[in-house]
C-alpha atoms as a PDB file:
ATOM      1  CA  ILE A   1      -2.199  19.240   0.610  1.00  0.00           C
ATOM      2  CA  THR A   2      -5.107  21.358  -0.257  1.00  0.00           C
ATOM      3  CA  SER A   3      -8.602  20.073  -0.886  1.00  0.00           C
ATOM      4  CA  ASP A   4      -8.217  20.862  -4.594  1.00  0.00           C
ATOM      5  CA  ASP A   5      -5.610  18.183  -4.766  1.00  0.00           C
ATOM      6  CA  PHE A   6      -8.461  15.593  -4.111  1.00  0.00           C
ATOM      7  CA  ILE A   7     -11.098  16.679  -6.575  1.00  0.00           C
ATOM      8  CA  ILE A   8     -11.218  13.572  -8.510  1.00  0.00           C
ATOM      9  CA  HIS A   9     -14.561  12.342  -9.742  1.00  0.00           C
ATOM     10  CA  ALA A  10     -15.803   8.793 -10.029  1.00  0.00           C
ATOM     11  CA  PHE A  11     -18.925   6.902 -10.692  1.00  0.00           C
ATOM     12  CA  GLY A  12     -20.538   6.042  -7.356  1.00  0.00           C
ATOM     13  CA  SER A  13     -19.573   6.322  -3.726  1.00  0.00           C
ATOM     14  CA  GLY A  14     -17.699   4.082  -1.298  1.00  0.00           C
ATOM     15  CA  ILE A  15     -14.337   2.321  -1.616  1.00  0.00           C
ATOM     16  CA  THR A  16     -12.497   1.271  -4.788  1.00  0.00           C
ATOM     17  CA  TYR A  17      -9.053  -0.334  -5.209  1.00  0.00           C
ATOM     18  CA  PHE A  18      -6.333   0.921  -7.353  1.00  0.00           C
ATOM     19  CA  LYS A  19      -2.896  -1.052  -7.947  1.00  0.00           C
ATOM     20  CA  GLY A  20      -0.235   1.654  -8.423  1.00  0.00           C
ATOM     21  CA  GLU A  21       2.337  -0.258 -10.408  1.00  0.00           C
ATOM     22  CA  CYS A  22       5.948   0.843 -10.175  1.00  0.00           C
ATOM     23  CA  GLU A  23       8.786   0.435 -12.736  1.00  0.00           C
ATOM     24  CA  ASP A  24      10.527  -2.323 -10.627  1.00  0.00           C
ATOM     25  CA  ASN A  25       7.571  -4.867 -10.591  1.00  0.00           C
ATOM     26  CA  THR A  26       6.393  -3.557  -7.314  1.00  0.00           C
ATOM     27  CA  TRP A  27       2.985  -1.884  -6.439  1.00  0.00           C
ATOM     28  CA  VAL A  28       1.259   0.170  -3.996  1.00  0.00           C
ATOM     29  CA  ASP A  29      -2.306  -1.000  -2.775  1.00  0.00           C
ATOM     30  CA  CYS A  30      -4.363   2.080  -2.968  1.00  0.00           C
ATOM     31  CA  LEU A  31      -7.923   2.307  -1.381  1.00  0.00           C
ATOM     32  CA  LEU A  32      -9.897   5.240  -2.600  1.00  0.00           C
ATOM     33  CA  TYR A  33     -12.888   6.552  -0.699  1.00  0.00           C
ATOM     34  CA  TYR A  34     -15.450   8.429  -2.799  1.00  0.00           C
ATOM     35  CA  GLY A  35     -18.352  10.321  -1.022  1.00  0.00           C
ATOM     36  CA  ASN A  36     -21.876  10.412  -2.078  1.00  0.00           C
ATOM     37  CA  ASP A  37     -20.894  13.543  -4.224  1.00  0.00           C
ATOM     38  CA  ASN A  38     -18.580  11.100  -6.446  1.00  0.00           C
ATOM     39  CA  VAL A  39     -15.596  13.119  -5.371  1.00  0.00           C
ATOM     40  CA  LEU A  40     -12.484  11.598  -3.902  1.00  0.00           C
ATOM     41  CA  HIS A  41     -12.439  12.119  -0.085  1.00  0.00           C
ATOM     42  CA  GLY A  42      -9.561   9.792   1.172  1.00  0.00           C
ATOM     43  CA  ILE A  43      -6.768   7.550   0.226  1.00  0.00           C
ATOM     44  CA  LEU A  44      -5.097   4.855   2.019  1.00  0.00           C
ATOM     45  CA  ASN A  45      -1.996   3.511   0.530  1.00  0.00           C
ATOM     46  CA  HIS A  46      -0.555   0.018   1.745  1.00  0.00           C
ATOM     47  CA  TYR A  47       2.998  -0.816   0.669  1.00  0.00           C
ATOM     48  CA  PRO A  48       3.552  -4.477   0.324  1.00  0.00           C
ATOM     49  CA  PHE A  49       7.261  -3.939  -0.558  1.00  0.00           C
ATOM     50  CA  ASP A  50      10.147  -1.814   0.914  1.00  0.00           C
ATOM     51  CA  MET A  51      10.260   1.448  -1.081  1.00  0.00           C
ATOM     52  CA  PRO A  52      13.342   3.055   0.325  1.00  0.00           C
ATOM     53  CA  PRO A  53      13.984   5.552   1.792  1.00  0.00           C
ATOM     54  CA  TYR A  54      10.354   6.323   2.746  1.00  0.00           C
ATOM     55  CA  GLN A  55       8.255   3.145   3.085  1.00  0.00           C
ATOM     56  CA  GLU A  56       8.907  -0.320   4.551  1.00  0.00           C
ATOM     57  CA  ALA A  57       7.002  -3.259   3.495  1.00  0.00           C
ATOM     58  CA  GLY A  58       3.599  -3.508   5.317  1.00  0.00           C
ATOM     59  CA  SER A  59       3.417   0.210   6.075  1.00  0.00           C
ATOM     60  CA  VAL A  60       0.391   2.290   5.342  1.00  0.00           C
ATOM     61  CA  ASN A  61      -0.493   6.040   5.199  1.00  0.00           C
ATOM     62  CA  ILE A  62      -3.892   7.797   5.019  1.00  0.00           C
ATOM     63  CA  GLN A  63      -4.958  11.118   3.612  1.00  0.00           C
ATOM     64  CA  VAL A  64      -8.264  12.656   3.860  1.00  0.00           C
ATOM     65  CA  ARG A  65      -9.329  15.923   2.600  1.00  0.00           C
ATOM     66  CA  PRO A  66      -9.226  18.624   5.108  1.00  0.00           C
ATOM     67  CA  ASP A  67     -12.930  19.548   4.668  1.00  0.00           C
ATOM     68  CA  ARG A  68     -13.958  15.805   5.154  1.00  0.00           C
ATOM     69  CA  ARG A  69     -11.941  15.068   8.287  1.00  0.00           C
ATOM     70  CA  ARG A  70     -13.545  13.683  11.565  1.00  0.00           C
ATOM     71  CA  LYS A  71     -16.280  12.072   9.547  1.00  0.00           C
ATOM     72  CA  GLY A  72     -15.237   8.455   9.847  1.00  0.00           C
ATOM     73  CA  ILE A  73     -13.333   8.244   6.526  1.00  0.00           C
ATOM     74  CA  ALA A  74     -10.082   7.241   7.869  1.00  0.00           C
ATOM     75  CA  THR A  75     -11.792   4.556   9.951  1.00  0.00           C
ATOM     76  CA  ILE A  76     -13.664   3.146   7.134  1.00  0.00           C
ATOM     77  CA  LEU A  77     -10.449   3.002   4.926  1.00  0.00           C
ATOM     78  CA  MET A  78      -8.506   1.406   7.840  1.00  0.00           C
ATOM     79  CA  ASP A  79     -11.165  -1.303   8.427  1.00  0.00           C
ATOM     80  CA  GLU A  80     -11.219  -2.188   4.717  1.00  0.00           C
ATOM     81  CA  ALA A  81      -7.296  -2.270   4.775  1.00  0.00           C
ATOM     82  CA  ILE A  82      -7.336  -4.531   7.727  1.00  0.00           C
ATOM     83  CA  ARG A  83      -9.806  -6.919   5.899  1.00  0.00           C
ATOM     84  CA  ARG A  84      -7.564  -6.951   2.795  1.00  0.00           C
ATOM     85  CA  PHE A  85      -3.973  -6.631   3.868  1.00  0.00           C
ATOM     86  CA  ASN A  86      -1.639  -8.141   6.642  1.00  0.00           C
ATOM     87  CA  ILE A  87      -1.146  -4.913   8.594  1.00  0.00           C
ATOM     88  CA  ASN A  88       0.621  -4.802  11.891  1.00  0.00           C
ATOM     89  CA  LEU A  89      -0.257  -1.294  13.358  1.00  0.00           C
ATOM     90  CA  GLU A  90       1.970  -1.723  16.225  1.00  0.00           C
ATOM     91  CA  GLU A  91       4.941  -1.772  13.681  1.00  0.00           C
ATOM     92  CA  GLN A  92       4.177   1.575  11.858  1.00  0.00           C
ATOM     93  CA  GLU A  93       5.611   5.121  12.217  1.00  0.00           C
ATOM     94  CA  TYR A  94       2.990   7.752  13.005  1.00  0.00           C
ATOM     95  CA  THR A  95       2.647  11.445  12.826  1.00  0.00           C
ATOM     96  CA  PRO A  96       1.248  12.921  16.159  1.00  0.00           C
ATOM     97  CA  ASP A  97      -2.308  13.007  14.559  1.00  0.00           C
ATOM     98  CA  GLY A  98      -1.790   9.588  13.170  1.00  0.00           C
ATOM     99  CA  GLU A  99      -0.775   8.126  16.549  1.00  0.00           C
ATOM    100  CA  ARG A 100      -3.750   9.601  18.136  1.00  0.00           C
ATOM    101  CA  PHE A 101      -5.947   8.163  15.476  1.00  0.00           C
ATOM    102  CA  ILE A 102      -4.445   4.690  15.613  1.00  0.00           C
ATOM    103  CA  LYS A 103      -4.745   4.530  19.450  1.00  0.00           C
ATOM    104  CA  LYS A 104      -8.366   5.277  19.293  1.00  0.00           C
ATOM    105  CA  TYR A 105      -8.884   3.121  16.272  1.00  0.00           C
ATOM    106  CA  MET A 106      -7.126   0.054  18.086  1.00  0.00           C
ATOM    107  CA  ARG A 107      -9.350   0.564  21.072  1.00  0.00           C
ATOM    108  CA  SER A 108     -12.665   1.015  19.366  1.00  0.00           C
ATOM    109  CA  SER A 109     -12.702  -0.846  16.071  1.00  0.00           C
ATOM    110  CA  ARG A 110     -14.696  -4.133  15.828  1.00  0.00           C
ATOM    111  CA  ILE A 111     -12.936  -5.147  12.598  1.00  0.00           C
ATOM    112  CA  TYR A 112      -9.519  -4.593  14.192  1.00  0.00           C
ATOM    113  CA  LYS A 113     -10.519  -6.565  17.223  1.00  0.00           C
ATOM    114  CA  ILE A 114     -11.918  -9.493  15.157  1.00  0.00           C
ATOM    115  CA  ALA A 115      -8.671  -9.553  12.981  1.00  0.00           C
ATOM    116  CA  HIS A 116      -6.411  -9.663  16.090  1.00  0.00           C
ATOM    117  CA  ARG A 117      -8.021 -12.319  18.350  1.00  0.00           C
END
């Protein structure tokens, strides 16, 4: 993924929701993070349904523009996803970078701790 893949402009900054509808009456919950420049900086996809062979119901994935990483965008997206969706972070599959992020996130996120008391 290159940063050019993410150059999508919006009106305003922050998180918006997009319901990515599929042909079989299923959908993907998409949280889109736009920066102050009104450009898409990150995406979190939540899969409420099994989508073989790649996604199981409840799984999530996050993508952040390479030039915007390590600025808290993935944390902001994950906090919002925890608020909105029933996500079990212990039942996910992770890339090595994703596993490092999630371990730190689970230790430090106030939102995650509140949701999992």
